[in-house]
PDBML (XML) file of the C-alpha atoms, coordinates in Angstrom:
<?xml version="1.0" encoding="UTF-8" ?>
<PDBx:datablock datablockName="MODEL"
   xmlns:PDBx="http://pdbml.pdb.org/schema/pdbx-v50.xsd"
   xmlns:xsi="http://www.w3.org/2001/XMLSchema-instance"
   xsi:schemaLocation="http://pdbml.pdb.org/schema/pdbx-v50.xsd pdbx-v50.xsd">
   <PDBx:atom_siteCategory>
      <PDBx:atom_site id="1">
         <PDBx:B_iso_or_equiv>0.00</PDBx:B_iso_or_equiv>
         <PDBx:Cartn_x>7.868</PDBx:Cartn_x>
         <PDBx:Cartn_y>10.732</PDBx:Cartn_y>
         <PDBx:Cartn_z>-23.571</PDBx:Cartn_z>
         <PDBx:auth_asym_id>A</PDBx:auth_asym_id>
         <PDBx:auth_atom_id>CA</PDBx:auth_atom_id>
         <PDBx:auth_comp_id>LYS</PDBx:auth_comp_id>
         <PDBx:auth_seq_id>1</PDBx:auth_seq_id>
         <PDBx:group_PDB>ATOM</PDBx:group_PDB>
         <PDBx:label_alt_id xsi:nil="true" />
         <PDBx:label_asym_id>A</PDBx:label_asym_id>
         <PDBx:label_atom_id>CA</PDBx:label_atom_id>
         <PDBx:label_comp_id>LYS</PDBx:label_comp_id>
         <PDBx:label_entity_id>1</PDBx:label_entity_id>
         <PDBx:label_seq_id>1</PDBx:label_seq_id>
         <PDBx:occupancy>1.00</PDBx:occupancy>
         <PDBx:pdbx_PDB_model_num>1</PDBx:pdbx_PDB_model_num>
         <PDBx:type_symbol>C</PDBx:type_symbol>
      </PDBx:atom_site>
      <PDBx:atom_site id="2">
         <PDBx:B_iso_or_equiv>0.00</PDBx:B_iso_or_equiv>
         <PDBx:Cartn_x>6.065</PDBx:Cartn_x>
         <PDBx:Cartn_y>8.996</PDBx:Cartn_y>
         <PDBx:Cartn_z>-20.739</PDBx:Cartn_z>
         <PDBx:auth_asym_id>A</PDBx:auth_asym_id>
         <PDBx:auth_atom_id>CA</PDBx:auth_atom_id>
         <PDBx:auth_comp_id>GLN</PDBx:auth_comp_id>
         <PDBx:auth_seq_id>2</PDBx:auth_seq_id>
         <PDBx:group_PDB>ATOM</PDBx:group_PDB>
         <PDBx:label_alt_id xsi:nil="true" />
         <PDBx:label_asym_id>A</PDBx:label_asym_id>
         <PDBx:label_atom_id>CA</PDBx:label_atom_id>
         <PDBx:label_comp_id>GLN</PDBx:label_comp_id>
         <PDBx:label_entity_id>1</PDBx:label_entity_id>
         <PDBx:label_seq_id>2</PDBx:label_seq_id>
         <PDBx:occupancy>1.00</PDBx:occupancy>
         <PDBx:pdbx_PDB_model_num>1</PDBx:pdbx_PDB_model_num>
         <PDBx:type_symbol>C</PDBx:type_symbol>
      </PDBx:atom_site>
      <PDBx:atom_site id="3">
         <PDBx:B_iso_or_equiv>0.00</PDBx:B_iso_or_equiv>
         <PDBx:Cartn_x>3.974</PDBx:Cartn_x>
         <PDBx:Cartn_y>11.094</PDBx:Cartn_y>
         <PDBx:Cartn_z>-18.361</PDBx:Cartn_z>
         <PDBx:auth_asym_id>A</PDBx:auth_asym_id>
         <PDBx:auth_atom_id>CA</PDBx:auth_atom_id>
         <PDBx:auth_comp_id>TYR</PDBx:auth_comp_id>
         <PDBx:auth_seq_id>3</PDBx:auth_seq_id>
         <PDBx:group_PDB>ATOM</PDBx:group_PDB>
         <PDBx:label_alt_id xsi:nil="true" />
         <PDBx:label_asym_id>A</PDBx:label_asym_id>
         <PDBx:label_atom_id>CA</PDBx:label_atom_id>
         <PDBx:label_comp_id>TYR</PDBx:label_comp_id>
         <PDBx:label_entity_id>1</PDBx:label_entity_id>
         <PDBx:label_seq_id>3</PDBx:label_seq_id>
         <PDBx:occupancy>1.00</PDBx:occupancy>
         <PDBx:pdbx_PDB_model_num>1</PDBx:pdbx_PDB_model_num>
         <PDBx:type_symbol>C</PDBx:type_symbol>
      </PDBx:atom_site>
      <PDBx:atom_site id="4">
         <PDBx:B_iso_or_equiv>0.00</PDBx:B_iso_or_equiv>
         <PDBx:Cartn_x>3.618</PDBx:Cartn_x>
         <PDBx:Cartn_y>9.302</PDBx:Cartn_y>
         <PDBx:Cartn_z>-15.015</PDBx:Cartn_z>
         <PDBx:auth_asym_id>A</PDBx:auth_asym_id>
         <PDBx:auth_atom_id>CA</PDBx:auth_atom_id>
         <PDBx:auth_comp_id>VAL</PDBx:auth_comp_id>
         <PDBx:auth_seq_id>4</PDBx:auth_seq_id>
         <PDBx:group_PDB>ATOM</PDBx:group_PDB>
         <PDBx:label_alt_id xsi:nil="true" />
         <PDBx:label_asym_id>A</PDBx:label_asym_id>
         <PDBx:label_atom_id>CA</PDBx:label_atom_id>
         <PDBx:label_comp_id>VAL</PDBx:label_comp_id>
         <PDBx:label_entity_id>1</PDBx:label_entity_id>
         <PDBx:label_seq_id>4</PDBx:label_seq_id>
         <PDBx:occupancy>1.00</PDBx:occupancy>
         <PDBx:pdbx_PDB_model_num>1</PDBx:pdbx_PDB_model_num>
         <PDBx:type_symbol>C</PDBx:type_symbol>
      </PDBx:atom_site>
      <PDBx:atom_site id="5">
         <PDBx:B_iso_or_equiv>0.00</PDBx:B_iso_or_equiv>
         <PDBx:Cartn_x>1.556</PDBx:Cartn_x>
         <PDBx:Cartn_y>10.254</PDBx:Cartn_y>
         <PDBx:Cartn_z>-11.986</PDBx:Cartn_z>
         <PDBx:auth_asym_id>A</PDBx:auth_asym_id>
         <PDBx:auth_atom_id>CA</PDBx:auth_atom_id>
         <PDBx:auth_comp_id>ASP</PDBx:auth_comp_id>
         <PDBx:auth_seq_id>5</PDBx:auth_seq_id>
         <PDBx:group_PDB>ATOM</PDBx:group_PDB>
         <PDBx:label_alt_id xsi:nil="true" />
         <PDBx:label_asym_id>A</PDBx:label_asym_id>
         <PDBx:label_atom_id>CA</PDBx:label_atom_id>
         <PDBx:label_comp_id>ASP</PDBx:label_comp_id>
         <PDBx:label_entity_id>1</PDBx:label_entity_id>
         <PDBx:label_seq_id>5</PDBx:label_seq_id>
         <PDBx:occupancy>1.00</PDBx:occupancy>
         <PDBx:pdbx_PDB_model_num>1</PDBx:pdbx_PDB_model_num>
         <PDBx:type_symbol>C</PDBx:type_symbol>
      </PDBx:atom_site>
      <PDBx:atom_site id="6">
         <PDBx:B_iso_or_equiv>0.00</PDBx:B_iso_or_equiv>
         <PDBx:Cartn_x>2.752</PDBx:Cartn_x>
         <PDBx:Cartn_y>10.157</PDBx:Cartn_y>
         <PDBx:Cartn_z>-8.388</PDBx:Cartn_z>
         <PDBx:auth_asym_id>A</PDBx:auth_asym_id>
         <PDBx:auth_atom_id>CA</PDBx:auth_atom_id>
         <PDBx:auth_comp_id>ASN</PDBx:auth_comp_id>
         <PDBx:auth_seq_id>6</PDBx:auth_seq_id>
         <PDBx:group_PDB>ATOM</PDBx:group_PDB>
         <PDBx:label_alt_id xsi:nil="true" />
         <PDBx:label_asym_id>A</PDBx:label_asym_id>
         <PDBx:label_atom_id>CA</PDBx:label_atom_id>
         <PDBx:label_comp_id>ASN</PDBx:label_comp_id>
         <PDBx:label_entity_id>1</PDBx:label_entity_id>
         <PDBx:label_seq_id>6</PDBx:label_seq_id>
         <PDBx:occupancy>1.00</PDBx:occupancy>
         <PDBx:pdbx_PDB_model_num>1</PDBx:pdbx_PDB_model_num>
         <PDBx:type_symbol>C</PDBx:type_symbol>
      </PDBx:atom_site>
      <PDBx:atom_site id="7">
         <PDBx:B_iso_or_equiv>0.00</PDBx:B_iso_or_equiv>
         <PDBx:Cartn_x>0.598</PDBx:Cartn_x>
         <PDBx:Cartn_y>7.170</PDBx:Cartn_y>
         <PDBx:Cartn_z>-7.469</PDBx:Cartn_z>
         <PDBx:auth_asym_id>A</PDBx:auth_asym_id>
         <PDBx:auth_atom_id>CA</PDBx:auth_atom_id>
         <PDBx:auth_comp_id>ASP</PDBx:auth_comp_id>
         <PDBx:auth_seq_id>7</PDBx:auth_seq_id>
         <PDBx:group_PDB>ATOM</PDBx:group_PDB>
         <PDBx:label_alt_id xsi:nil="true" />
         <PDBx:label_asym_id>A</PDBx:label_asym_id>
         <PDBx:label_atom_id>CA</PDBx:label_atom_id>
         <PDBx:label_comp_id>ASP</PDBx:label_comp_id>
         <PDBx:label_entity_id>1</PDBx:label_entity_id>
         <PDBx:label_seq_id>7</PDBx:label_seq_id>
         <PDBx:occupancy>1.00</PDBx:occupancy>
         <PDBx:pdbx_PDB_model_num>1</PDBx:pdbx_PDB_model_num>
         <PDBx:type_symbol>C</PDBx:type_symbol>
      </PDBx:atom_site>
      <PDBx:atom_site id="8">
         <PDBx:B_iso_or_equiv>0.00</PDBx:B_iso_or_equiv>
         <PDBx:Cartn_x>2.234</PDBx:Cartn_x>
         <PDBx:Cartn_y>4.915</PDBx:Cartn_y>
         <PDBx:Cartn_z>-10.048</PDBx:Cartn_z>
         <PDBx:auth_asym_id>A</PDBx:auth_asym_id>
         <PDBx:auth_atom_id>CA</PDBx:auth_atom_id>
         <PDBx:auth_comp_id>VAL</PDBx:auth_comp_id>
         <PDBx:auth_seq_id>8</PDBx:auth_seq_id>
         <PDBx:group_PDB>ATOM</PDBx:group_PDB>
         <PDBx:label_alt_id xsi:nil="true" />
         <PDBx:label_asym_id>A</PDBx:label_asym_id>
         <PDBx:label_atom_id>CA</PDBx:label_atom_id>
         <PDBx:label_comp_id>VAL</PDBx:label_comp_id>
         <PDBx:label_entity_id>1</PDBx:label_entity_id>
         <PDBx:label_seq_id>8</PDBx:label_seq_id>
         <PDBx:occupancy>1.00</PDBx:occupancy>
         <PDBx:pdbx_PDB_model_num>1</PDBx:pdbx_PDB_model_num>
         <PDBx:type_symbol>C</PDBx:type_symbol>
      </PDBx:atom_site>
      <PDBx:atom_site id="9">
         <PDBx:B_iso_or_equiv>0.00</PDBx:B_iso_or_equiv>
         <PDBx:Cartn_x>5.733</PDBx:Cartn_x>
         <PDBx:Cartn_y>6.126</PDBx:Cartn_y>
         <PDBx:Cartn_z>-9.162</PDBx:Cartn_z>
         <PDBx:auth_asym_id>A</PDBx:auth_asym_id>
         <PDBx:auth_atom_id>CA</PDBx:auth_atom_id>
         <PDBx:auth_comp_id>LEU</PDBx:auth_comp_id>
         <PDBx:auth_seq_id>9</PDBx:auth_seq_id>
         <PDBx:group_PDB>ATOM</PDBx:group_PDB>
         <PDBx:label_alt_id xsi:nil="true" />
         <PDBx:label_asym_id>A</PDBx:label_asym_id>
         <PDBx:label_atom_id>CA</PDBx:label_atom_id>
         <PDBx:label_comp_id>LEU</PDBx:label_comp_id>
         <PDBx:label_entity_id>1</PDBx:label_entity_id>
         <PDBx:label_seq_id>9</PDBx:label_seq_id>
         <PDBx:occupancy>1.00</PDBx:occupancy>
         <PDBx:pdbx_PDB_model_num>1</PDBx:pdbx_PDB_model_num>
         <PDBx:type_symbol>C</PDBx:type_symbol>
      </PDBx:atom_site>
      <PDBx:atom_site id="10">
         <PDBx:B_iso_or_equiv>0.00</PDBx:B_iso_or_equiv>
         <PDBx:Cartn_x>5.425</PDBx:Cartn_x>
         <PDBx:Cartn_y>5.459</PDBx:Cartn_y>
         <PDBx:Cartn_z>-5.432</PDBx:Cartn_z>
         <PDBx:auth_asym_id>A</PDBx:auth_asym_id>
         <PDBx:auth_atom_id>CA</PDBx:auth_atom_id>
         <PDBx:auth_comp_id>ILE</PDBx:auth_comp_id>
         <PDBx:auth_seq_id>10</PDBx:auth_seq_id>
         <PDBx:group_PDB>ATOM</PDBx:group_PDB>
         <PDBx:label_alt_id xsi:nil="true" />
         <PDBx:label_asym_id>A</PDBx:label_asym_id>
         <PDBx:label_atom_id>CA</PDBx:label_atom_id>
         <PDBx:label_comp_id>ILE</PDBx:label_comp_id>
         <PDBx:label_entity_id>1</PDBx:label_entity_id>
         <PDBx:label_seq_id>10</PDBx:label_seq_id>
         <PDBx:occupancy>1.00</PDBx:occupancy>
         <PDBx:pdbx_PDB_model_num>1</PDBx:pdbx_PDB_model_num>
         <PDBx:type_symbol>C</PDBx:type_symbol>
      </PDBx:atom_site>
      <PDBx:atom_site id="11">
         <PDBx:B_iso_or_equiv>0.00</PDBx:B_iso_or_equiv>
         <PDBx:Cartn_x>3.934</PDBx:Cartn_x>
         <PDBx:Cartn_y>2.011</PDBx:Cartn_y>
         <PDBx:Cartn_z>-6.014</PDBx:Cartn_z>
         <PDBx:auth_asym_id>A</PDBx:auth_asym_id>
         <PDBx:auth_atom_id>CA</PDBx:auth_atom_id>
         <PDBx:auth_comp_id>LYS</PDBx:auth_comp_id>
         <PDBx:auth_seq_id>11</PDBx:auth_seq_id>
         <PDBx:group_PDB>ATOM</PDBx:group_PDB>
         <PDBx:label_alt_id xsi:nil="true" />
         <PDBx:label_asym_id>A</PDBx:label_asym_id>
         <PDBx:label_atom_id>CA</PDBx:label_atom_id>
         <PDBx:label_comp_id>LYS</PDBx:label_comp_id>
         <PDBx:label_entity_id>1</PDBx:label_entity_id>
         <PDBx:label_seq_id>11</PDBx:label_seq_id>
         <PDBx:occupancy>1.00</PDBx:occupancy>
         <PDBx:pdbx_PDB_model_num>1</PDBx:pdbx_PDB_model_num>
         <PDBx:type_symbol>C</PDBx:type_symbol>
      </PDBx:atom_site>
      <PDBx:atom_site id="12">
         <PDBx:B_iso_or_equiv>0.00</PDBx:B_iso_or_equiv>
         <PDBx:Cartn_x>6.747</PDBx:Cartn_x>
         <PDBx:Cartn_y>1.032</PDBx:Cartn_y>
         <PDBx:Cartn_z>-8.373</PDBx:Cartn_z>
         <PDBx:auth_asym_id>A</PDBx:auth_asym_id>
         <PDBx:auth_atom_id>CA</PDBx:auth_atom_id>
         <PDBx:auth_comp_id>LEU</PDBx:auth_comp_id>
         <PDBx:auth_seq_id>12</PDBx:auth_seq_id>
         <PDBx:group_PDB>ATOM</PDBx:group_PDB>
         <PDBx:label_alt_id xsi:nil="true" />
         <PDBx:label_asym_id>A</PDBx:label_asym_id>
         <PDBx:label_atom_id>CA</PDBx:label_atom_id>
         <PDBx:label_comp_id>LEU</PDBx:label_comp_id>
         <PDBx:label_entity_id>1</PDBx:label_entity_id>
         <PDBx:label_seq_id>12</PDBx:label_seq_id>
         <PDBx:occupancy>1.00</PDBx:occupancy>
         <PDBx:pdbx_PDB_model_num>1</PDBx:pdbx_PDB_model_num>
         <PDBx:type_symbol>C</PDBx:type_symbol>
      </PDBx:atom_site>
      <PDBx:atom_site id="13">
         <PDBx:B_iso_or_equiv>0.00</PDBx:B_iso_or_equiv>
         <PDBx:Cartn_x>9.256</PDBx:Cartn_x>
         <PDBx:Cartn_y>2.453</PDBx:Cartn_y>
         <PDBx:Cartn_z>-5.888</PDBx:Cartn_z>
         <PDBx:auth_asym_id>A</PDBx:auth_asym_id>
         <PDBx:auth_atom_id>CA</PDBx:auth_atom_id>
         <PDBx:auth_comp_id>ALA</PDBx:auth_comp_id>
         <PDBx:auth_seq_id>13</PDBx:auth_seq_id>
         <PDBx:group_PDB>ATOM</PDBx:group_PDB>
         <PDBx:label_alt_id xsi:nil="true" />
         <PDBx:label_asym_id>A</PDBx:label_asym_id>
         <PDBx:label_atom_id>CA</PDBx:label_atom_id>
         <PDBx:label_comp_id>ALA</PDBx:label_comp_id>
         <PDBx:label_entity_id>1</PDBx:label_entity_id>
         <PDBx:label_seq_id>13</PDBx:label_seq_id>
         <PDBx:occupancy>1.00</PDBx:occupancy>
         <PDBx:pdbx_PDB_model_num>1</PDBx:pdbx_PDB_model_num>
         <PDBx:type_symbol>C</PDBx:type_symbol>
      </PDBx:atom_site>
      <PDBx:atom_site id="14">
         <PDBx:B_iso_or_equiv>0.00</PDBx:B_iso_or_equiv>
         <PDBx:Cartn_x>7.767</PDBx:Cartn_x>
         <PDBx:Cartn_y>0.351</PDBx:Cartn_y>
         <PDBx:Cartn_z>-3.084</PDBx:Cartn_z>
         <PDBx:auth_asym_id>A</PDBx:auth_asym_id>
         <PDBx:auth_atom_id>CA</PDBx:auth_atom_id>
         <PDBx:auth_comp_id>SER</PDBx:auth_comp_id>
         <PDBx:auth_seq_id>14</PDBx:auth_seq_id>
         <PDBx:group_PDB>ATOM</PDBx:group_PDB>
         <PDBx:label_alt_id xsi:nil="true" />
         <PDBx:label_asym_id>A</PDBx:label_asym_id>
         <PDBx:label_atom_id>CA</PDBx:label_atom_id>
         <PDBx:label_comp_id>SER</PDBx:label_comp_id>
         <PDBx:label_entity_id>1</PDBx:label_entity_id>
         <PDBx:label_seq_id>14</PDBx:label_seq_id>
         <PDBx:occupancy>1.00</PDBx:occupancy>
         <PDBx:pdbx_PDB_model_num>1</PDBx:pdbx_PDB_model_num>
         <PDBx:type_symbol>C</PDBx:type_symbol>
      </PDBx:atom_site>
      <PDBx:atom_site id="15">
         <PDBx:B_iso_or_equiv>0.00</PDBx:B_iso_or_equiv>
         <PDBx:Cartn_x>8.515</PDBx:Cartn_x>
         <PDBx:Cartn_y>-2.816</PDBx:Cartn_y>
         <PDBx:Cartn_z>-5.072</PDBx:Cartn_z>
         <PDBx:auth_asym_id>A</PDBx:auth_asym_id>
         <PDBx:auth_atom_id>CA</PDBx:auth_atom_id>
         <PDBx:auth_comp_id>ALA</PDBx:auth_comp_id>
         <PDBx:auth_seq_id>15</PDBx:auth_seq_id>
         <PDBx:group_PDB>ATOM</PDBx:group_PDB>
         <PDBx:label_alt_id xsi:nil="true" />
         <PDBx:label_asym_id>A</PDBx:label_asym_id>
         <PDBx:label_atom_id>CA</PDBx:label_atom_id>
         <PDBx:label_comp_id>ALA</PDBx:label_comp_id>
         <PDBx:label_entity_id>1</PDBx:label_entity_id>
         <PDBx:label_seq_id>15</PDBx:label_seq_id>
         <PDBx:occupancy>1.00</PDBx:occupancy>
         <PDBx:pdbx_PDB_model_num>1</PDBx:pdbx_PDB_model_num>
         <PDBx:type_symbol>C</PDBx:type_symbol>
      </PDBx:atom_site>
      <PDBx:atom_site id="16">
         <PDBx:B_iso_or_equiv>0.00</PDBx:B_iso_or_equiv>
         <PDBx:Cartn_x>11.875</PDBx:Cartn_x>
         <PDBx:Cartn_y>-1.436</PDBx:Cartn_y>
         <PDBx:Cartn_z>-6.263</PDBx:Cartn_z>
         <PDBx:auth_asym_id>A</PDBx:auth_asym_id>
         <PDBx:auth_atom_id>CA</PDBx:auth_atom_id>
         <PDBx:auth_comp_id>ASP</PDBx:auth_comp_id>
         <PDBx:auth_seq_id>16</PDBx:auth_seq_id>
         <PDBx:group_PDB>ATOM</PDBx:group_PDB>
         <PDBx:label_alt_id xsi:nil="true" />
         <PDBx:label_asym_id>A</PDBx:label_asym_id>
         <PDBx:label_atom_id>CA</PDBx:label_atom_id>
         <PDBx:label_comp_id>ASP</PDBx:label_comp_id>
         <PDBx:label_entity_id>1</PDBx:label_entity_id>
         <PDBx:label_seq_id>16</PDBx:label_seq_id>
         <PDBx:occupancy>1.00</PDBx:occupancy>
         <PDBx:pdbx_PDB_model_num>1</PDBx:pdbx_PDB_model_num>
         <PDBx:type_symbol>C</PDBx:type_symbol>
      </PDBx:atom_site>
      <PDBx:atom_site id="17">
         <PDBx:B_iso_or_equiv>0.00</PDBx:B_iso_or_equiv>
         <PDBx:Cartn_x>10.707</PDBx:Cartn_x>
         <PDBx:Cartn_y>-1.787</PDBx:Cartn_y>
         <PDBx:Cartn_z>-9.865</PDBx:Cartn_z>
         <PDBx:auth_asym_id>A</PDBx:auth_asym_id>
         <PDBx:auth_atom_id>CA</PDBx:auth_atom_id>
         <PDBx:auth_comp_id>LEU</PDBx:auth_comp_id>
         <PDBx:auth_seq_id>17</PDBx:auth_seq_id>
         <PDBx:group_PDB>ATOM</PDBx:group_PDB>
         <PDBx:label_alt_id xsi:nil="true" />
         <PDBx:label_asym_id>A</PDBx:label_asym_id>
         <PDBx:label_atom_id>CA</PDBx:label_atom_id>
         <PDBx:label_comp_id>LEU</PDBx:label_comp_id>
         <PDBx:label_entity_id>1</PDBx:label_entity_id>
         <PDBx:label_seq_id>17</PDBx:label_seq_id>
         <PDBx:occupancy>1.00</PDBx:occupancy>
         <PDBx:pdbx_PDB_model_num>1</PDBx:pdbx_PDB_model_num>
         <PDBx:type_symbol>C</PDBx:type_symbol>
      </PDBx:atom_site>
      <PDBx:atom_site id="18">
         <PDBx:B_iso_or_equiv>0.00</PDBx:B_iso_or_equiv>
         <PDBx:Cartn_x>11.505</PDBx:Cartn_x>
         <PDBx:Cartn_y>1.682</PDBx:Cartn_y>
         <PDBx:Cartn_z>-11.191</PDBx:Cartn_z>
         <PDBx:auth_asym_id>A</PDBx:auth_asym_id>
         <PDBx:auth_atom_id>CA</PDBx:auth_atom_id>
         <PDBx:auth_comp_id>LEU</PDBx:auth_comp_id>
         <PDBx:auth_seq_id>18</PDBx:auth_seq_id>
         <PDBx:group_PDB>ATOM</PDBx:group_PDB>
         <PDBx:label_alt_id xsi:nil="true" />
         <PDBx:label_asym_id>A</PDBx:label_asym_id>
         <PDBx:label_atom_id>CA</PDBx:label_atom_id>
         <PDBx:label_comp_id>LEU</PDBx:label_comp_id>
         <PDBx:label_entity_id>1</PDBx:label_entity_id>
         <PDBx:label_seq_id>18</PDBx:label_seq_id>
         <PDBx:occupancy>1.00</PDBx:occupancy>
         <PDBx:pdbx_PDB_model_num>1</PDBx:pdbx_PDB_model_num>
         <PDBx:type_symbol>C</PDBx:type_symbol>
      </PDBx:atom_site>
      <PDBx:atom_site id="19">
         <PDBx:B_iso_or_equiv>0.00</PDBx:B_iso_or_equiv>
         <PDBx:Cartn_x>14.620</PDBx:Cartn_x>
         <PDBx:Cartn_y>0.541</PDBx:Cartn_y>
         <PDBx:Cartn_z>-13.070</PDBx:Cartn_z>
         <PDBx:auth_asym_id>A</PDBx:auth_asym_id>
         <PDBx:auth_atom_id>CA</PDBx:auth_atom_id>
         <PDBx:auth_comp_id>SER</PDBx:auth_comp_id>
         <PDBx:auth_seq_id>19</PDBx:auth_seq_id>
         <PDBx:group_PDB>ATOM</PDBx:group_PDB>
         <PDBx:label_alt_id xsi:nil="true" />
         <PDBx:label_asym_id>A</PDBx:label_asym_id>
         <PDBx:label_atom_id>CA</PDBx:label_atom_id>
         <PDBx:label_comp_id>SER</PDBx:label_comp_id>
         <PDBx:label_entity_id>1</PDBx:label_entity_id>
         <PDBx:label_seq_id>19</PDBx:label_seq_id>
         <PDBx:occupancy>1.00</PDBx:occupancy>
         <PDBx:pdbx_PDB_model_num>1</PDBx:pdbx_PDB_model_num>
         <PDBx:type_symbol>C</PDBx:type_symbol>
      </PDBx:atom_site>
      <PDBx:atom_site id="20">
         <PDBx:B_iso_or_equiv>0.00</PDBx:B_iso_or_equiv>
         <PDBx:Cartn_x>12.661</PDBx:Cartn_x>
         <PDBx:Cartn_y>-2.401</PDBx:Cartn_y>
         <PDBx:Cartn_z>-14.476</PDBx:Cartn_z>
         <PDBx:auth_asym_id>A</PDBx:auth_asym_id>
         <PDBx:auth_atom_id>CA</PDBx:auth_atom_id>
         <PDBx:auth_comp_id>ASP</PDBx:auth_comp_id>
         <PDBx:auth_seq_id>20</PDBx:auth_seq_id>
         <PDBx:group_PDB>ATOM</PDBx:group_PDB>
         <PDBx:label_alt_id xsi:nil="true" />
         <PDBx:label_asym_id>A</PDBx:label_asym_id>
         <PDBx:label_atom_id>CA</PDBx:label_atom_id>
         <PDBx:label_comp_id>ASP</PDBx:label_comp_id>
         <PDBx:label_entity_id>1</PDBx:label_entity_id>
         <PDBx:label_seq_id>20</PDBx:label_seq_id>
         <PDBx:occupancy>1.00</PDBx:occupancy>
         <PDBx:pdbx_PDB_model_num>1</PDBx:pdbx_PDB_model_num>
         <PDBx:type_symbol>C</PDBx:type_symbol>
      </PDBx:atom_site>
      <PDBx:atom_site id="21">
         <PDBx:B_iso_or_equiv>0.00</PDBx:B_iso_or_equiv>
         <PDBx:Cartn_x>9.988</PDBx:Cartn_x>
         <PDBx:Cartn_y>0.066</PDBx:Cartn_y>
         <PDBx:Cartn_z>-15.578</PDBx:Cartn_z>
         <PDBx:auth_asym_id>A</PDBx:auth_asym_id>
         <PDBx:auth_atom_id>CA</PDBx:auth_atom_id>
         <PDBx:auth_comp_id>PHE</PDBx:auth_comp_id>
         <PDBx:auth_seq_id>21</PDBx:auth_seq_id>
         <PDBx:group_PDB>ATOM</PDBx:group_PDB>
         <PDBx:label_alt_id xsi:nil="true" />
         <PDBx:label_asym_id>A</PDBx:label_asym_id>
         <PDBx:label_atom_id>CA</PDBx:label_atom_id>
         <PDBx:label_comp_id>PHE</PDBx:label_comp_id>
         <PDBx:label_entity_id>1</PDBx:label_entity_id>
         <PDBx:label_seq_id>21</PDBx:label_seq_id>
         <PDBx:occupancy>1.00</PDBx:occupancy>
         <PDBx:pdbx_PDB_model_num>1</PDBx:pdbx_PDB_model_num>
         <PDBx:type_symbol>C</PDBx:type_symbol>
      </PDBx:atom_site>
      <PDBx:atom_site id="22">
         <PDBx:B_iso_or_equiv>0.00</PDBx:B_iso_or_equiv>
         <PDBx:Cartn_x>12.522</PDBx:Cartn_x>
         <PDBx:Cartn_y>1.984</PDBx:Cartn_y>
         <PDBx:Cartn_z>-17.657</PDBx:Cartn_z>
         <PDBx:auth_asym_id>A</PDBx:auth_asym_id>
         <PDBx:auth_atom_id>CA</PDBx:auth_atom_id>
         <PDBx:auth_comp_id>LEU</PDBx:auth_comp_id>
         <PDBx:auth_seq_id>22</PDBx:auth_seq_id>
         <PDBx:group_PDB>ATOM</PDBx:group_PDB>
         <PDBx:label_alt_id xsi:nil="true" />
         <PDBx:label_asym_id>A</PDBx:label_asym_id>
         <PDBx:label_atom_id>CA</PDBx:label_atom_id>
         <PDBx:label_comp_id>LEU</PDBx:label_comp_id>
         <PDBx:label_entity_id>1</PDBx:label_entity_id>
         <PDBx:label_seq_id>22</PDBx:label_seq_id>
         <PDBx:occupancy>1.00</PDBx:occupancy>
         <PDBx:pdbx_PDB_model_num>1</PDBx:pdbx_PDB_model_num>
         <PDBx:type_symbol>C</PDBx:type_symbol>
      </PDBx:atom_site>
      <PDBx:atom_site id="23">
         <PDBx:B_iso_or_equiv>0.00</PDBx:B_iso_or_equiv>
         <PDBx:Cartn_x>13.824</PDBx:Cartn_x>
         <PDBx:Cartn_y>-1.193</PDBx:Cartn_y>
         <PDBx:Cartn_z>-19.271</PDBx:Cartn_z>
         <PDBx:auth_asym_id>A</PDBx:auth_asym_id>
         <PDBx:auth_atom_id>CA</PDBx:auth_atom_id>
         <PDBx:auth_comp_id>VAL</PDBx:auth_comp_id>
         <PDBx:auth_seq_id>23</PDBx:auth_seq_id>
         <PDBx:group_PDB>ATOM</PDBx:group_PDB>
         <PDBx:label_alt_id xsi:nil="true" />
         <PDBx:label_asym_id>A</PDBx:label_asym_id>
         <PDBx:label_atom_id>CA</PDBx:label_atom_id>
         <PDBx:label_comp_id>VAL</PDBx:label_comp_id>
         <PDBx:label_entity_id>1</PDBx:label_entity_id>
         <PDBx:label_seq_id>23</PDBx:label_seq_id>
         <PDBx:occupancy>1.00</PDBx:occupancy>
         <PDBx:pdbx_PDB_model_num>1</PDBx:pdbx_PDB_model_num>
         <PDBx:type_symbol>C</PDBx:type_symbol>
      </PDBx:atom_site>
      <PDBx:atom_site id="24">
         <PDBx:B_iso_or_equiv>0.00</PDBx:B_iso_or_equiv>
         <PDBx:Cartn_x>10.341</PDBx:Cartn_x>
         <PDBx:Cartn_y>-2.574</PDBx:Cartn_y>
         <PDBx:Cartn_z>-19.926</PDBx:Cartn_z>
         <PDBx:auth_asym_id>A</PDBx:auth_asym_id>
         <PDBx:auth_atom_id>CA</PDBx:auth_atom_id>
         <PDBx:auth_comp_id>ALA</PDBx:auth_comp_id>
         <PDBx:auth_seq_id>24</PDBx:auth_seq_id>
         <PDBx:group_PDB>ATOM</PDBx:group_PDB>
         <PDBx:label_alt_id xsi:nil="true" />
         <PDBx:label_asym_id>A</PDBx:label_asym_id>
         <PDBx:label_atom_id>CA</PDBx:label_atom_id>
         <PDBx:label_comp_id>ALA</PDBx:label_comp_id>
         <PDBx:label_entity_id>1</PDBx:label_entity_id>
         <PDBx:label_seq_id>24</PDBx:label_seq_id>
         <PDBx:occupancy>1.00</PDBx:occupancy>
         <PDBx:pdbx_PDB_model_num>1</PDBx:pdbx_PDB_model_num>
         <PDBx:type_symbol>C</PDBx:type_symbol>
      </PDBx:atom_site>
   </PDBx:atom_siteCategory>
</PDBx:datablock>
């Protein structure tokens, strides 16, 4: 499980790195 706050999510979304985050 990975608990993630809103700040990190929106920043990753801005760089379109959310899918990369899952893979990483």
